Amino acid sequence: GKVPASSILASAPSDRNLDTWRESGCRTTHCNLEVL
């Protein structure tokens, strides 16, 4: 609860790995460099 979900960017190879993050309101990408 210390960081708003919108401030979190999660990266994973497949959408299946990112579904939980999206449901929590986090942003997602398939590009690791974008996270950096």
PDB file of all heavy atoms in Angstrom:
ATOM      1  N   GLY A   1       0.791  -1.215   0.000  1.00  0.00           N
ATOM      2  CA  GLY A   1       0.000   0.000   0.000  1.00  0.00           C
ATOM      3  C   GLY A   1       0.824   1.266   0.000  1.00  0.00           C
ATOM      4  O   GLY A   1       0.282   2.360   0.066  1.00  0.00           O
ATOM      5  N   LYS A   2       2.142   1.156  -0.059  1.00  0.00           N
ATOM      6  CA  LYS A   2       3.000   2.344  -0.016  1.00  0.00           C
ATOM      7  C   LYS A   2       3.247   2.946  -1.387  1.00  0.00           C
ATOM      8  O   LYS A   2       3.708   4.078  -1.498  1.00  0.00           O
ATOM      9  CB  LYS A   2       4.339   1.983   0.641  1.00  0.00           C
ATOM     10  CG  LYS A   2       4.196   1.590   2.102  1.00  0.00           C
ATOM     11  CD  LYS A   2       5.538   1.408   2.766  1.00  0.00           C
ATOM     12  CE  LYS A   2       5.354   1.102   4.249  1.00  0.00           C
ATOM     13  NZ  LYS A   2       6.621   0.988   4.957  1.00  0.00           N
ATOM     14  N   VAL A   3       2.941   2.183  -2.439  1.00  0.00           N
ATOM     15  CA  VAL A   3       3.162   2.657  -3.809  1.00  0.00           C
ATOM     16  C   VAL A   3       1.876   2.458  -4.601  1.00  0.00           C
ATOM     17  O   VAL A   3       1.322   1.359  -4.611  1.00  0.00           O
ATOM     18  CB  VAL A   3       4.311   1.864  -4.482  1.00  0.00           C
ATOM     19  CG1 VAL A   3       4.497   2.314  -5.925  1.00  0.00           C
ATOM     20  CG2 VAL A   3       5.606   2.013  -3.703  1.00  0.00           C
ATOM     21  N   PRO A   4       1.364   3.500  -5.267  1.00  0.00           N
ATOM     22  CA  PRO A   4       0.149   3.311  -6.082  1.00  0.00           C
ATOM     23  C   PRO A   4       0.427   2.345  -7.226  1.00  0.00           C
ATOM     24  O   PRO A   4       1.523   2.330  -7.801  1.00  0.00           O
ATOM     25  CB  PRO A   4      -0.163   4.715  -6.595  1.00  0.00           C
ATOM     26  CG  PRO A   4       1.092   5.507  -6.410  1.00  0.00           C
ATOM     27  CD  PRO A   4       1.841   4.893  -5.280  1.00  0.00           C
ATOM     28  N   ALA A   5      -0.562   1.528  -7.543  1.00  0.00           N
ATOM     29  CA  ALA A   5      -0.395   0.518  -8.595  1.00  0.00           C
ATOM     30  C   ALA A   5       0.029   1.144  -9.916  1.00  0.00           C
ATOM     31  O   ALA A   5       0.802   0.561 -10.678  1.00  0.00           O
ATOM     32  CB  ALA A   5      -1.692  -0.265  -8.768  1.00  0.00           C
ATOM     33  N   SER A   6      -0.446   2.343 -10.177  1.00  0.00           N
ATOM     34  CA  SER A   6      -0.130   3.002 -11.452  1.00  0.00           C
ATOM     35  C   SER A   6       1.356   3.364 -11.566  1.00  0.00           C
ATOM     36  O   SER A   6       1.838   3.654 -12.660  1.00  0.00           O
ATOM     37  CB  SER A   6      -0.976   4.260 -11.614  1.00  0.00           C
ATOM     38  OG  SER A   6      -0.733   5.159 -10.539  1.00  0.00           O
ATOM     39  N   SER A   7       2.065   3.350 -10.443  1.00  0.00           N
ATOM     40  CA  SER A   7       3.499   3.658 -10.461  1.00  0.00           C
ATOM     41  C   SER A   7       4.357   2.417 -10.707  1.00  0.00           C
ATOM     42  O   SER A   7       5.578   2.516 -10.757  1.00  0.00           O
ATOM     43  CB  SER A   7       3.920   4.293  -9.135  1.00  0.00           C
ATOM     44  OG  SER A   7       3.290   5.536  -8.958  1.00  0.00           O
ATOM     45  N   ILE A   8       3.719   1.255 -10.831  1.00  0.00           N
ATOM     46  CA  ILE A   8       4.440  -0.002 -11.030  1.00  0.00           C
ATOM     47  C   ILE A   8       4.321  -0.437 -12.483  1.00  0.00           C
ATOM     48  O   ILE A   8       3.219  -0.468 -13.049  1.00  0.00           O
ATOM     49  CB  ILE A   8       3.884  -1.094 -10.102  1.00  0.00           C
ATOM     50  CG1 ILE A   8       4.115  -0.713  -8.645  1.00  0.00           C
ATOM     51  CG2 ILE A   8       4.532  -2.447 -10.410  1.00  0.00           C
ATOM     52  CD1 ILE A   8       3.459  -1.628  -7.635  1.00  0.00           C
ATOM     53  N   LEU A   9       5.460  -0.755 -13.069  1.00  0.00           N
ATOM     54  CA  LEU A   9       5.507  -1.241 -14.450  1.00  0.00           C
ATOM     55  C   LEU A   9       6.136  -2.628 -14.439  1.00  0.00           C
ATOM     56  O   LEU A   9       7.289  -2.793 -14.042  1.00  0.00           O
ATOM     57  CB  LEU A   9       6.333  -0.287 -15.330  1.00  0.00           C
ATOM     58  CG  LEU A   9       6.558  -0.708 -16.778  1.00  0.00           C
ATOM     59  CD1 LEU A   9       5.230  -0.859 -17.524  1.00  0.00           C
ATOM     60  CD2 LEU A   9       7.458   0.295 -17.493  1.00  0.00           C
ATOM     61  N   ALA A  10       5.355  -3.632 -14.827  1.00  0.00           N
ATOM     62  CA  ALA A  10       5.817  -5.025 -14.814  1.00  0.00           C
ATOM     63  C   ALA A  10       6.074  -5.509 -16.228  1.00  0.00           C
ATOM     64  O   ALA A  10       5.291  -5.236 -17.151  1.00  0.00           O
ATOM     65  CB  ALA A  10       4.774  -5.921 -14.144  1.00  0.00           C
ATOM     66  N   SER A  11       7.174  -6.250 -16.398  1.00  0.00           N
ATOM     67  CA  SER A  11       7.530  -6.797 -17.696  1.00  0.00           C
ATOM     68  C   SER A  11       7.633  -8.314 -17.606  1.00  0.00           C
ATOM     69  O   SER A  11       8.183  -8.856 -16.640  1.00  0.00           O
ATOM     70  CB  SER A  11       8.877  -6.224 -18.153  1.00  0.00           C
ATOM     71  OG  SER A  11       9.308  -6.857 -19.340  1.00  0.00           O
ATOM     72  N   ALA A  12       7.091  -8.990 -18.605  1.00  0.00           N
ATOM     73  CA  ALA A  12       7.178 -10.450 -18.694  1.00  0.00           C
ATOM     74  C   ALA A  12       7.036 -10.848 -20.162  1.00  0.00           C
ATOM     75  O   ALA A  12       6.472 -10.094 -20.962  1.00  0.00           O
ATOM     76  CB  ALA A  12       6.102 -11.121 -17.847  1.00  0.00           C
ATOM     77  N   PRO A  13       7.532 -12.040 -20.523  1.00  0.00           N
ATOM     78  CA  PRO A  13       7.476 -12.457 -21.933  1.00  0.00           C
ATOM     79  C   PRO A  13       6.063 -12.666 -22.459  1.00  0.00           C
ATOM     80  O   PRO A  13       5.787 -12.391 -23.621  1.00  0.00           O
ATOM     81  CB  PRO A  13       8.260 -13.773 -21.943  1.00  0.00           C
ATOM     82  CG  PRO A  13       9.081 -13.760 -20.702  1.00  0.00           C
ATOM     83  CD  PRO A  13       8.287 -12.989 -19.700  1.00  0.00           C
ATOM     84  N   SER A  14       5.161 -13.174 -21.610  1.00  0.00           N
ATOM     85  CA  SER A  14       3.824 -13.515 -22.109  1.00  0.00           C
ATOM     86  C   SER A  14       2.742 -12.762 -21.340  1.00  0.00           C
ATOM     87  O   SER A  14       2.940 -12.365 -20.191  1.00  0.00           O
ATOM     88  CB  SER A  14       3.573 -15.022 -21.975  1.00  0.00           C
ATOM     89  OG  SER A  14       3.410 -15.385 -20.618  1.00  0.00           O
ATOM     90  N   ASP A  15       1.586 -12.600 -21.986  1.00  0.00           N
ATOM     91  CA  ASP A  15       0.450 -11.945 -21.330  1.00  0.00           C
ATOM     92  C   ASP A  15      -0.021 -12.731 -20.118  1.00  0.00           C
ATOM     93  O   ASP A  15      -0.501 -12.142 -19.147  1.00  0.00           O
ATOM     94  CB  ASP A  15      -0.712 -11.793 -22.319  1.00  0.00           C
ATOM     95  CG  ASP A  15      -0.467 -10.677 -23.326  1.00  0.00           C
ATOM     96  OD1 ASP A  15       0.227  -9.712 -22.963  1.00  0.00           O
ATOM     97  OD2 ASP A  15      -0.946 -10.786 -24.474  1.00  0.00           O
ATOM     98  N   ARG A  16       0.115 -14.050 -20.177  1.00  0.00           N
ATOM     99  CA  ARG A  16      -0.338 -14.883 -19.046  1.00  0.00           C
ATOM    100  C   ARG A  16       0.352 -14.474 -17.746  1.00  0.00           C
ATOM    101  O   ARG A  16      -0.259 -14.447 -16.682  1.00  0.00           O
ATOM    102  CB  ARG A  16      -0.041 -16.354 -19.360  1.00  0.00           C
ATOM    103  CG  ARG A  16      -0.444 -17.328 -18.260  1.00  0.00           C
ATOM    104  CD  ARG A  16      -0.162 -18.756 -18.698  1.00  0.00           C
ATOM    105  NE  ARG A  16       1.225 -18.927 -19.103  1.00  0.00           N
ATOM    106  CZ  ARG A  16       2.224 -19.167 -18.239  1.00  0.00           C
ATOM    107  NH1 ARG A  16       1.967 -19.241 -16.946  1.00  0.00           N
ATOM    108  NH2 ARG A  16       3.459 -19.329 -18.683  1.00  0.00           N
ATOM    109  N   ASN A  17       1.640 -14.115 -17.844  1.00  0.00           N
ATOM    110  CA  ASN A  17       2.384 -13.708 -16.650  1.00  0.00           C
ATOM    111  C   ASN A  17       1.987 -12.312 -16.160  1.00  0.00           C
ATOM    112  O   ASN A  17       2.284 -11.947 -15.023  1.00  0.00           O
ATOM    113  CB  ASN A  17       3.888 -13.713 -16.938  1.00  0.00           C
ATOM    114  CG  ASN A  17       4.405 -15.088 -17.322  1.00  0.00           C
ATOM    115  OD1 ASN A  17       4.945 -15.272 -18.406  1.00  0.00           O
ATOM    116  ND2 ASN A  17       4.235 -16.059 -16.439  1.00  0.00           N
ATOM    117  N   LEU A  18       1.334 -11.556 -17.015  1.00  0.00           N
ATOM    118  CA  LEU A  18       1.042 -10.161 -16.678  1.00  0.00           C
ATOM    119  C   LEU A  18      -0.405  -9.927 -16.248  1.00  0.00           C
ATOM    120  O   LEU A  18      -0.739  -8.841 -15.776  1.00  0.00           O
ATOM    121  CB  LEU A  18       1.353  -9.267 -17.886  1.00  0.00           C
ATOM    122  CG  LEU A  18       2.837  -9.194 -18.276  1.00  0.00           C
ATOM    123  CD1 LEU A  18       2.991  -8.435 -19.594  1.00  0.00           C
ATOM    124  CD2 LEU A  18       3.666  -8.543 -17.180  1.00  0.00           C
ATOM    125  N   ASP A  19      -1.256 -10.934 -16.400  1.00  0.00           N
ATOM    126  CA  ASP A  19      -2.688 -10.747 -16.103  1.00  0.00           C
ATOM    127  C   ASP A  19      -2.928 -10.272 -14.678  1.00  0.00           C
ATOM    128  O   ASP A  19      -3.724  -9.350 -14.439  1.00  0.00           O
ATOM    129  CB  ASP A  19      -3.461 -12.042 -16.349  1.00  0.00           C
ATOM    130  CG  ASP A  19      -3.654 -12.323 -17.834  1.00  0.00           C
ATOM    131  OD1 ASP A  19      -3.466 -11.381 -18.631  1.00  0.00           O
ATOM    132  OD2 ASP A  19      -3.965 -13.476 -18.193  1.00  0.00           O
ATOM    133  N   THR A  20      -2.242 -10.882 -13.710  1.00  0.00           N
ATOM    134  CA  THR A  20      -2.453 -10.514 -12.302  1.00  0.00           C
ATOM    135  C   THR A  20      -2.055  -9.065 -12.050  1.00  0.00           C
ATOM    136  O   THR A  20      -2.711  -8.349 -11.286  1.00  0.00           O
ATOM    137  CB  THR A  20      -1.656 -11.451 -11.376  1.00  0.00           C
ATOM    138  OG1 THR A  20      -2.085 -12.794 -11.614  1.00  0.00           O
ATOM    139  CG2 THR A  20      -1.885 -11.107  -9.912  1.00  0.00           C
ATOM    140  N   TRP A  21      -0.963  -8.636 -12.699  1.00  0.00           N
ATOM    141  CA  TRP A  21      -0.500  -7.256 -12.533  1.00  0.00           C
ATOM    142  C   TRP A  21      -1.548  -6.280 -13.078  1.00  0.00           C
ATOM    143  O   TRP A  21      -1.838  -5.254 -12.450  1.00  0.00           O
ATOM    144  CB  TRP A  21       0.835  -7.060 -13.250  1.00  0.00           C
ATOM    145  CG  TRP A  21       1.947  -7.867 -12.663  1.00  0.00           C
ATOM    146  CD1 TRP A  21       2.372  -9.095 -13.066  1.00  0.00           C
ATOM    147  CD2 TRP A  21       2.757  -7.499 -11.540  1.00  0.00           C
ATOM    148  NE1 TRP A  21       3.418  -9.514 -12.263  1.00  0.00           N
ATOM    149  CE2 TRP A  21       3.670  -8.560 -11.330  1.00  0.00           C
ATOM    150  CE3 TRP A  21       2.810  -6.381 -10.722  1.00  0.00           C
ATOM    151  CZ2 TRP A  21       4.613  -8.527 -10.303  1.00  0.00           C
ATOM    152  CZ3 TRP A  21       3.752  -6.348  -9.699  1.00  0.00           C
ATOM    153  CH2 TRP A  21       4.637  -7.407  -9.500  1.00  0.00           C
ATOM    154  N   ARG A  22      -2.102  -6.620 -14.237  1.00  0.00           N
ATOM    155  CA  ARG A  22      -3.111  -5.745 -14.840  1.00  0.00           C
ATOM    156  C   ARG A  22      -4.361  -5.663 -13.969  1.00  0.00           C
ATOM    157  O   ARG A  22      -4.951  -4.591 -13.794  1.00  0.00           O
ATOM    158  CB  ARG A  22      -3.480  -6.269 -16.231  1.00  0.00           C
ATOM    159  CG  ARG A  22      -2.365  -6.081 -17.261  1.00  0.00           C
ATOM    160  CD  ARG A  22      -2.676  -6.814 -18.549  1.00  0.00           C
ATOM    161  NE  ARG A  22      -1.613  -6.660 -19.532  1.00  0.00           N
ATOM    162  CZ  ARG A  22      -1.357  -7.527 -20.495  1.00  0.00           C
ATOM    163  NH1 ARG A  22      -2.101  -8.620 -20.613  1.00  0.00           N
ATOM    164  NH2 ARG A  22      -0.369  -7.317 -21.346  1.00  0.00           N
ATOM    165  N   GLU A  23      -4.759  -6.804 -13.416  1.00  0.00           N
ATOM    166  CA  GLU A  23      -5.944  -6.825 -12.552  1.00  0.00           C
ATOM    167  C   GLU A  23      -5.747  -5.969 -11.310  1.00  0.00           C
ATOM    168  O   GLU A  23      -6.711  -5.453 -10.738  1.00  0.00           O
ATOM    169  CB  GLU A  23      -6.259  -8.276 -12.147  1.00  0.00           C
ATOM    170  CG  GLU A  23      -6.774  -9.135 -13.295  1.00  0.00           C
ATOM    171  CD  GLU A  23      -6.784 -10.618 -12.960  1.00  0.00           C
ATOM    172  OE1 GLU A  23      -6.520 -10.965 -11.785  1.00  0.00           O
ATOM    173  OE2 GLU A  23      -7.040 -11.425 -13.872  1.00  0.00           O
ATOM    174  N   SER A  24      -4.471  -5.809 -10.892  1.00  0.00           N
ATOM    175  CA  SER A  24      -4.170  -4.986  -9.718  1.00  0.00           C
ATOM    176  C   SER A  24      -4.022  -3.508 -10.065  1.00  0.00           C
ATOM    177  O   SER A  24      -3.792  -2.683  -9.184  1.00  0.00           O
ATOM    178  CB  SER A  24      -2.870  -5.474  -9.055  1.00  0.00           C
ATOM    179  OG  SER A  24      -3.004  -6.808  -8.629  1.00  0.00           O
ATOM    180  N   GLY A  25      -4.121  -3.186 -11.362  1.00  0.00           N
ATOM    181  CA  GLY A  25      -4.032  -1.792 -11.785  1.00  0.00           C
ATOM    182  C   GLY A  25      -2.645  -1.336 -12.173  1.00  0.00           C
ATOM    183  O   GLY A  25      -2.419  -0.133 -12.393  1.00  0.00           O
ATOM    184  N   CYS A  26      -1.712  -2.277 -12.274  1.00  0.00           N
ATOM    185  CA  CYS A  26      -0.346  -1.929 -12.671  1.00  0.00           C
ATOM    186  C   CYS A  26      -0.240  -1.820 -14.188  1.00  0.00           C
ATOM    187  O   CYS A  26      -1.022  -2.414 -14.927  1.00  0.00           O
ATOM    188  CB  CYS A  26       0.645  -2.987 -12.171  1.00  0.00           C
ATOM    189  SG  CYS A  26       0.628  -3.233 -10.389  1.00  0.00           S
ATOM    190  N   ARG A  27       0.747  -1.073 -14.627  1.00  0.00           N
ATOM    191  CA  ARG A  27       1.042  -1.006 -16.056  1.00  0.00           C
ATOM    192  C   ARG A  27       1.924  -2.198 -16.431  1.00  0.00           C
ATOM    193  O   ARG A  27       2.675  -2.702 -15.594  1.00  0.00           O
ATOM    194  CB  ARG A  27       1.760   0.304 -16.387  1.00  0.00           C
ATOM    195  CG  ARG A  27       0.870   1.526 -16.186  1.00  0.00           C
ATOM    196  CD  ARG A  27       1.633   2.829 -16.381  1.00  0.00           C
ATOM    197  NE  ARG A  27       2.672   2.990 -15.381  1.00  0.00           N
ATOM    198  CZ  ARG A  27       3.950   3.291 -15.651  1.00  0.00           C
ATOM    199  NH1 ARG A  27       4.340   3.435 -16.916  1.00  0.00           N
ATOM    200  NH2 ARG A  27       4.815   3.456 -14.688  1.00  0.00           N
ATOM    201  N   THR A  28       1.840  -2.638 -17.666  1.00  0.00           N
ATOM    202  CA  THR A  28       2.609  -3.817 -18.083  1.00  0.00           C
ATOM    203  C   THR A  28       3.263  -3.575 -19.437  1.00  0.00           C
ATOM    204  O   THR A  28       2.842  -2.701 -20.208  1.00  0.00           O
ATOM    205  CB  THR A  28       1.721  -5.071 -18.171  1.00  0.00           C
ATOM    206  OG1 THR A  28       0.705  -4.867 -19.172  1.00  0.00           O
ATOM    207  CG2 THR A  28       1.070  -5.388 -16.829  1.00  0.00           C
ATOM    208  N   THR A  29       4.272  -4.381 -19.714  1.00  0.00           N
ATOM    209  CA  THR A  29       4.994  -4.300 -20.978  1.00  0.00           C
ATOM    210  C   THR A  29       5.663  -5.647 -21.237  1.00  0.00           C
ATOM    211  O   THR A  29       5.791  -6.462 -20.324  1.00  0.00           O
ATOM    212  CB  THR A  29       6.057  -3.184 -20.938  1.00  0.00           C
ATOM    213  OG1 THR A  29       6.760  -3.153 -22.185  1.00  0.00           O
ATOM    214  CG2 THR A  29       7.073  -3.431 -19.827  1.00  0.00           C
ATOM    215  N   HIS A  30       6.074  -5.858 -22.452  1.00  0.00           N
ATOM    216  CA  HIS A  30       6.884  -7.024 -22.784  1.00  0.00           C
ATOM    217  C   HIS A  30       8.349  -6.631 -22.985  1.00  0.00           C
ATOM    218  O   HIS A  30       9.168  -7.473 -23.345  1.00  0.00           O
ATOM    219  CB  HIS A  30       6.362  -7.697 -24.062  1.00  0.00           C
ATOM    220  CG  HIS A  30       4.986  -8.261 -23.922  1.00  0.00           C
ATOM    221  ND1 HIS A  30       4.657  -9.213 -22.981  1.00  0.00           N
ATOM    222  CD2 HIS A  30       3.835  -7.992 -24.599  1.00  0.00           C
ATOM    223  CE1 HIS A  30       3.372  -9.511 -23.092  1.00  0.00           C
ATOM    224  NE2 HIS A  30       2.849  -8.785 -24.060  1.00  0.00           N
ATOM    225  N   CYS A  31       8.653  -5.368 -22.723  1.00  0.00           N
ATOM    226  CA  CYS A  31       9.999  -4.852 -22.973  1.00  0.00           C
ATOM    227  C   CYS A  31      10.705  -4.536 -21.667  1.00  0.00           C
ATOM    228  O   CYS A  31      10.332  -3.584 -20.956  1.00  0.00           O
ATOM    229  CB  CYS A  31       9.918  -3.600 -23.847  1.00  0.00           C
ATOM    230  SG  CYS A  31      11.524  -2.840 -24.167  1.00  0.00           S
ATOM    231  N   ASN A  32      11.716  -5.314 -21.337  1.00  0.00           N
ATOM    232  CA  ASN A  32      12.460  -5.075 -20.096  1.00  0.00           C
ATOM    233  C   ASN A  32      13.132  -3.706 -20.083  1.00  0.00           C
ATOM    234  O   ASN A  32      13.223  -3.053 -19.032  1.00  0.00           O
ATOM    235  CB  ASN A  32      13.523  -6.158 -19.904  1.00  0.00           C
ATOM    236  CG  ASN A  32      12.919  -7.513 -19.596  1.00  0.00           C
ATOM    237  OD1 ASN A  32      11.815  -7.604 -19.066  1.00  0.00           O
ATOM    238  ND2 ASN A  32      13.633  -8.576 -19.934  1.00  0.00           N
ATOM    239  N   LEU A  33      13.616  -3.266 -21.234  1.00  0.00           N
ATOM    240  CA  LEU A  33      14.300  -1.972 -21.300  1.00  0.00           C
ATOM    241  C   LEU A  33      13.355  -0.817 -20.973  1.00  0.00           C
ATOM    242  O   LEU A  33      13.777   0.197 -20.413  1.00  0.00           O
ATOM    243  CB  LEU A  33      14.914  -1.775 -22.692  1.00  0.00           C
ATOM    244  CG  LEU A  33      16.108  -2.681 -23.020  1.00  0.00           C
ATOM    245  CD1 LEU A  33      16.559  -2.466 -24.463  1.00  0.00           C
ATOM    246  CD2 LEU A  33      17.261  -2.427 -22.063  1.00  0.00           C
ATOM    247  N   GLU A  34      12.079  -0.991 -21.284  1.00  0.00           N
ATOM    248  CA  GLU A  34      11.098   0.050 -20.950  1.00  0.00           C
ATOM    249  C   GLU A  34      11.007   0.254 -19.446  1.00  0.00           C
ATOM    250  O   GLU A  34      10.851   1.379 -18.962  1.00  0.00           O
ATOM    251  CB  GLU A  34       9.725  -0.318 -21.531  1.00  0.00           C
ATOM    252  CG  GLU A  34       8.679   0.770 -21.344  1.00  0.00           C
ATOM    253  CD  GLU A  34       7.325   0.372 -21.914  1.00  0.00           C
ATOM    254  OE1 GLU A  34       7.260  -0.601 -22.696  1.00  0.00           O
ATOM    255  OE2 GLU A  34       6.324   1.031 -21.570  1.00  0.00           O
ATOM    256  N   VAL A  35      11.113  -0.842 -18.696  1.00  0.00           N
ATOM    257  CA  VAL A  35      11.087  -0.749 -17.234  1.00  0.00           C
ATOM    258  C   VAL A  35      12.263   0.094 -16.746  1.00  0.00           C
ATOM    259  O   VAL A  35      12.117   0.961 -15.879  1.00  0.00           O
ATOM    260  CB  VAL A  35      11.127  -2.155 -16.589  1.00  0.00           C
ATOM    261  CG1 VAL A  35      11.211  -2.043 -15.077  1.00  0.00           C
ATOM    262  CG2 VAL A  35       9.909  -2.969 -16.992  1.00  0.00           C
ATOM    263  N   LEU A  36      13.437  -0.142 -17.309  1.00  0.00           N
ATOM    264  CA  LEU A  36      14.624   0.618 -16.907  1.00  0.00           C
ATOM    265  C   LEU A  36      14.482   2.094 -17.245  1.00  0.00           C
ATOM    266  O   LEU A  36      14.916   2.967 -16.486  1.00  0.00           O
ATOM    267  CB  LEU A  36      15.862   0.051 -17.600  1.00  0.00           C
ATOM    268  CG  LEU A  36      16.623  -1.105 -16.918  1.00  0.00           C
ATOM    269  CD1 LEU A  36      17.282  -0.633 -15.625  1.00  0.00           C
ATOM    270  CD2 LEU A  36      15.739  -2.307 -16.649  1.00  0.00           C
TER     271      LEU A  36
END
